Amino acid sequence: MMKATMVLVFGAGVLVGGMLTPFGTARAQNSQRVFELRTYTAPEGKLSALQARFRDHTRRIFEKHGMTSIGYWVPEDAPQSQNTLIYILAHPSREAAKKNWAEFSADPEWQKVSEESQRDGRIVTKVESTFMVPTDFSAIK
């Protein structure tokens, strides 16, 4: 009798847990950390100015607004090696990313840095952004 009761309780737990899992998973996916892959294309001869802006100012201002810099890269092969900066940011969630970018864009320090870095012309001609969530087998979460 006790064995039957334990099997019944275990089975009920598995059934109820299975029914609730999709709801818990959906909630977790909406609030999990997201990564943003960004690719910037610079006009000819402006990549070093773009890199300097990131090195000297942008990364620090990102941090101030809750954006975590994961890494920055330049492609090895031409022609992208001459005009492309690729980087990944982490945000606590997709909603936080939207808020972070709005606050970053409105930041007076960023506005000043952006204006000063473009005195001799634009240093970015194209921006591409892709939001990503890690897979269950990803080394980074």
C-alpha atoms as a PDB file:
ATOM      1  CA  MET A   1       0.000   0.000   0.000  1.00  0.00           C
ATOM      2  CA  MET A   2       2.750   2.441   0.918  1.00  0.00           C
ATOM      3  CA  LYS A   3       4.596   1.620  -2.298  1.00  0.00           C
ATOM      4  CA  ALA A   4       1.451   2.296  -4.341  1.00  0.00           C
ATOM      5  CA  THR A   5       0.924   5.614  -2.549  1.00  0.00           C
ATOM      6  CA  MET A   6       4.517   6.668  -3.250  1.00  0.00           C
ATOM      7  CA  VAL A   7       4.159   5.780  -6.924  1.00  0.00           C
ATOM      8  CA  LEU A   8       0.886   7.722  -7.091  1.00  0.00           C
ATOM      9  CA  VAL A   9       2.410  10.798  -5.402  1.00  0.00           C
ATOM     10  CA  PHE A  10       5.491  10.617  -7.633  1.00  0.00           C
ATOM     11  CA  GLY A  11       3.342  10.271 -10.759  1.00  0.00           C
ATOM     12  CA  ALA A  12       1.136  13.201  -9.736  1.00  0.00           C
ATOM     13  CA  GLY A  13       4.244  15.318  -9.114  1.00  0.00           C
ATOM     14  CA  VAL A  14       5.652  14.502 -12.541  1.00  0.00           C
ATOM     15  CA  LEU A  15       2.307  15.273 -14.196  1.00  0.00           C
ATOM     16  CA  VAL A  16       1.817  18.590 -12.397  1.00  0.00           C
ATOM     17  CA  GLY A  17       5.478  19.549 -12.885  1.00  0.00           C
ATOM     18  CA  GLY A  18       5.211  18.806 -16.591  1.00  0.00           C
ATOM     19  CA  MET A  19       2.101  20.956 -16.888  1.00  0.00           C
ATOM     20  CA  LEU A  20       3.754  23.899 -15.094  1.00  0.00           C
ATOM     21  CA  THR A  21       7.130  23.747 -16.831  1.00  0.00           C
ATOM     22  CA  PRO A  22       6.061  25.558 -20.015  1.00  0.00           C
ATOM     23  CA  PHE A  23       4.838  28.512 -17.940  1.00  0.00           C
ATOM     24  CA  GLY A  24       8.064  28.700 -15.925  1.00  0.00           C
ATOM     25  CA  THR A  25      10.142  28.337 -19.082  1.00  0.00           C
ATOM     26  CA  ALA A  26       8.261  31.109 -20.860  1.00  0.00           C
ATOM     27  CA  ARG A  27       8.777  33.436 -17.908  1.00  0.00           C
ATOM     28  CA  ALA A  28      12.483  32.627 -17.741  1.00  0.00           C
ATOM     29  CA  GLN A  29      12.954  33.193 -21.469  1.00  0.00           C
ATOM     30  CA  ASN A  30      11.336  36.618 -21.267  1.00  0.00           C
ATOM     31  CA  SER A  31      13.624  37.741 -18.478  1.00  0.00           C
ATOM     32  CA  GLN A  32      16.882  35.911 -19.206  1.00  0.00           C
ATOM     33  CA  ARG A  33      20.099  37.673 -20.108  1.00  0.00           C
ATOM     34  CA  VAL A  34      20.322  38.486 -23.791  1.00  0.00           C
ATOM     35  CA  PHE A  35      23.299  39.176 -25.979  1.00  0.00           C
ATOM     36  CA  GLU A  36      23.354  41.760 -28.705  1.00  0.00           C
ATOM     37  CA  LEU A  37      25.641  41.302 -31.695  1.00  0.00           C
ATOM     38  CA  ARG A  38      26.362  44.654 -33.326  1.00  0.00           C
ATOM     39  CA  THR A  39      28.238  45.312 -36.556  1.00  0.00           C
ATOM     40  CA  TYR A  40      29.324  48.837 -37.475  1.00  0.00           C
ATOM     41  CA  THR A  41      30.537  49.839 -40.918  1.00  0.00           C
ATOM     42  CA  ALA A  42      32.757  52.901 -41.064  1.00  0.00           C
ATOM     43  CA  PRO A  43      33.419  55.146 -44.071  1.00  0.00           C
ATOM     44  CA  GLU A  44      36.780  54.730 -45.754  1.00  0.00           C
ATOM     45  CA  GLY A  45      39.605  55.793 -43.459  1.00  0.00           C
ATOM     46  CA  LYS A  46      37.387  56.199 -40.356  1.00  0.00           C
ATOM     47  CA  LEU A  47      37.723  52.812 -38.636  1.00  0.00           C
ATOM     48  CA  SER A  48      40.540  53.997 -36.362  1.00  0.00           C
ATOM     49  CA  ALA A  49      38.404  56.970 -35.229  1.00  0.00           C
ATOM     50  CA  LEU A  50      35.514  54.599 -34.480  1.00  0.00           C
ATOM     51  CA  GLN A  51      37.789  52.287 -32.509  1.00  0.00           C
ATOM     52  CA  ALA A  52      39.188  55.257 -30.564  1.00  0.00           C
ATOM     53  CA  ARG A  53      35.680  56.378 -29.618  1.00  0.00           C
ATOM     54  CA  PHE A  54      34.882  52.908 -28.258  1.00  0.00           C
ATOM     55  CA  ARG A  55      38.250  52.551 -26.531  1.00  0.00           C
ATOM     56  CA  ASP A  56      38.230  56.008 -24.931  1.00  0.00           C
ATOM     57  CA  HIS A  57      34.542  56.622 -24.192  1.00  0.00           C
ATOM     58  CA  THR A  58      31.774  54.322 -25.424  1.00  0.00           C
ATOM     59  CA  ARG A  59      32.638  51.205 -23.401  1.00  0.00           C
ATOM     60  CA  ARG A  60      32.634  53.175 -20.138  1.00  0.00           C
ATOM     61  CA  ILE A  61      29.329  54.861 -20.983  1.00  0.00           C
ATOM     62  CA  PHE A  62      27.821  51.465 -21.875  1.00  0.00           C
ATOM     63  CA  GLU A  63      28.748  50.173 -18.409  1.00  0.00           C
ATOM     64  CA  LYS A  64      27.159  53.244 -16.809  1.00  0.00           C
ATOM     65  CA  HIS A  65      23.870  52.241 -18.471  1.00  0.00           C
ATOM     66  CA  GLY A  66      23.860  48.539 -17.569  1.00  0.00           C
ATOM     67  CA  MET A  67      25.386  47.232 -20.797  1.00  0.00           C
ATOM     68  CA  THR A  68      28.121  44.630 -20.328  1.00  0.00           C
ATOM     69  CA  SER A  69      30.801  44.530 -23.009  1.00  0.00           C
ATOM     70  CA  ILE A  70      31.584  40.925 -23.921  1.00  0.00           C
ATOM     71  CA  GLY A  71      34.113  41.581 -26.690  1.00  0.00           C
ATOM     72  CA  TYR A  72      35.126  43.694 -29.675  1.00  0.00           C
ATOM     73  CA  TRP A  73      36.516  42.408 -32.978  1.00  0.00           C
ATOM     74  CA  VAL A  74      37.735  43.507 -36.383  1.00  0.00           C
ATOM     75  CA  PRO A  75      37.509  41.000 -39.241  1.00  0.00           C
ATOM     76  CA  GLU A  76      40.828  39.611 -40.473  1.00  0.00           C
ATOM     77  CA  ASP A  77      40.041  39.680 -44.171  1.00  0.00           C
ATOM     78  CA  ALA A  78      39.682  42.661 -46.487  1.00  0.00           C
ATOM     79  CA  PRO A  79      37.605  44.569 -47.277  1.00  0.00           C
ATOM     80  CA  GLN A  80      35.804  44.276 -43.902  1.00  0.00           C
ATOM     81  CA  SER A  81      39.099  44.510 -42.013  1.00  0.00           C
ATOM     82  CA  GLN A  82      39.348  48.090 -43.243  1.00  0.00           C
ATOM     83  CA  ASN A  83      35.880  49.302 -42.235  1.00  0.00           C
ATOM     84  CA  THR A  84      34.109  46.951 -39.797  1.00  0.00           C
ATOM     85  CA  LEU A  85      33.848  46.788 -36.012  1.00  0.00           C
ATOM     86  CA  ILE A  86      31.913  43.906 -34.456  1.00  0.00           C
ATOM     87  CA  TYR A  87      31.012  43.661 -30.798  1.00  0.00           C
ATOM     88  CA  ILE A  88      28.750  41.841 -28.370  1.00  0.00           C
ATOM     89  CA  LEU A  89      26.934  43.360 -25.411  1.00  0.00           C
ATOM     90  CA  ALA A  90      25.023  41.561 -22.670  1.00  0.00           C
ATOM     91  CA  HIS A  91      21.809  42.942 -21.166  1.00  0.00           C
ATOM     92  CA  PRO A  92      19.813  41.530 -18.230  1.00  0.00           C
ATOM     93  CA  SER A  93      16.813  41.084 -20.575  1.00  0.00           C
ATOM     94  CA  ARG A  94      15.409  42.299 -23.899  1.00  0.00           C
ATOM     95  CA  GLU A  95      13.299  44.856 -22.033  1.00  0.00           C
ATOM     96  CA  ALA A  96      16.391  46.084 -20.175  1.00  0.00           C
ATOM     97  CA  ALA A  97      18.248  46.409 -23.491  1.00  0.00           C
ATOM     98  CA  LYS A  98      15.570  48.748 -24.814  1.00  0.00           C
ATOM     99  CA  LYS A  99      15.776  50.829 -21.628  1.00  0.00           C
ATOM    100  CA  ASN A 100      19.598  50.769 -21.639  1.00  0.00           C
ATOM    101  CA  TRP A 101      19.790  52.027 -25.225  1.00  0.00           C
ATOM    102  CA  ALA A 102      17.256  54.799 -24.570  1.00  0.00           C
ATOM    103  CA  GLU A 103      19.214  55.990 -21.536  1.00  0.00           C
ATOM    104  CA  PHE A 104      22.535  55.695 -23.373  1.00  0.00           C
ATOM    105  CA  SER A 105      21.241  57.725 -26.326  1.00  0.00           C
ATOM    106  CA  ALA A 106      19.934  60.454 -24.007  1.00  0.00           C
ATOM    107  CA  ASP A 107      23.123  60.625 -21.932  1.00  0.00           C
ATOM    108  CA  PRO A 108      24.643  64.130 -22.277  1.00  0.00           C
ATOM    109  CA  GLU A 109      28.178  62.717 -22.058  1.00  0.00           C
ATOM    110  CA  TRP A 110      27.471  60.310 -24.944  1.00  0.00           C
ATOM    111  CA  GLN A 111      25.904  63.068 -27.025  1.00  0.00           C
ATOM    112  CA  LYS A 112      29.011  65.231 -26.529  1.00  0.00           C
ATOM    113  CA  VAL A 113      31.383  62.331 -27.347  1.00  0.00           C
ATOM    114  CA  SER A 114      29.371  61.442 -30.451  1.00  0.00           C
ATOM    115  CA  GLU A 115      29.349  65.016 -31.701  1.00  0.00           C
ATOM    116  CA  GLU A 116      33.070  65.555 -31.041  1.00  0.00           C
ATOM    117  CA  SER A 117      34.067  62.278 -32.697  1.00  0.00           C
ATOM    118  CA  GLN A 118      32.249  63.280 -35.890  1.00  0.00           C
ATOM    119  CA  ARG A 119      33.659  66.793 -36.327  1.00  0.00           C
ATOM    120  CA  ASP A 120      35.541  65.646 -39.420  1.00  0.00           C
ATOM    121  CA  GLY A 121      32.596  63.647 -40.774  1.00  0.00           C
ATOM    122  CA  ARG A 122      30.543  60.609 -39.863  1.00  0.00           C
ATOM    123  CA  ILE A 123      32.446  57.617 -38.529  1.00  0.00           C
ATOM    124  CA  VAL A 124      29.587  55.116 -38.902  1.00  0.00           C
ATOM    125  CA  THR A 125      27.570  54.556 -42.069  1.00  0.00           C
ATOM    126  CA  LYS A 126      25.712  51.366 -41.123  1.00  0.00           C
ATOM    127  CA  VAL A 127      24.695  49.628 -37.889  1.00  0.00           C
ATOM    128  CA  GLU A 128      23.335  46.087 -37.715  1.00  0.00           C
ATOM    129  CA  SER A 129      21.956  44.622 -34.494  1.00  0.00           C
ATOM    130  CA  THR A 130      20.927  41.052 -33.672  1.00  0.00           C
ATOM    131  CA  PHE A 131      19.595  39.978 -30.267  1.00  0.00           C
ATOM    132  CA  MET A 132      20.534  36.457 -29.213  1.00  0.00           C
ATOM    133  CA  VAL A 133      19.764  34.101 -26.335  1.00  0.00           C
ATOM    134  CA  PRO A 134      22.203  31.341 -25.394  1.00  0.00           C
ATOM    135  CA  THR A 135      21.394  27.741 -26.159  1.00  0.00           C
ATOM    136  CA  ASP A 136      21.298  25.195 -23.369  1.00  0.00           C
ATOM    137  CA  PHE A 137      24.707  23.932 -24.534  1.00  0.00           C
ATOM    138  CA  SER A 138      26.361  27.362 -24.750  1.00  0.00           C
ATOM    139  CA  ALA A 139      29.456  27.962 -22.630  1.00  0.00           C
ATOM    140  CA  ILE A 140      28.287  31.507 -21.934  1.00  0.00           C
ATOM    141  CA  LYS A 141      24.890  32.269 -20.433  1.00  0.00           C
END
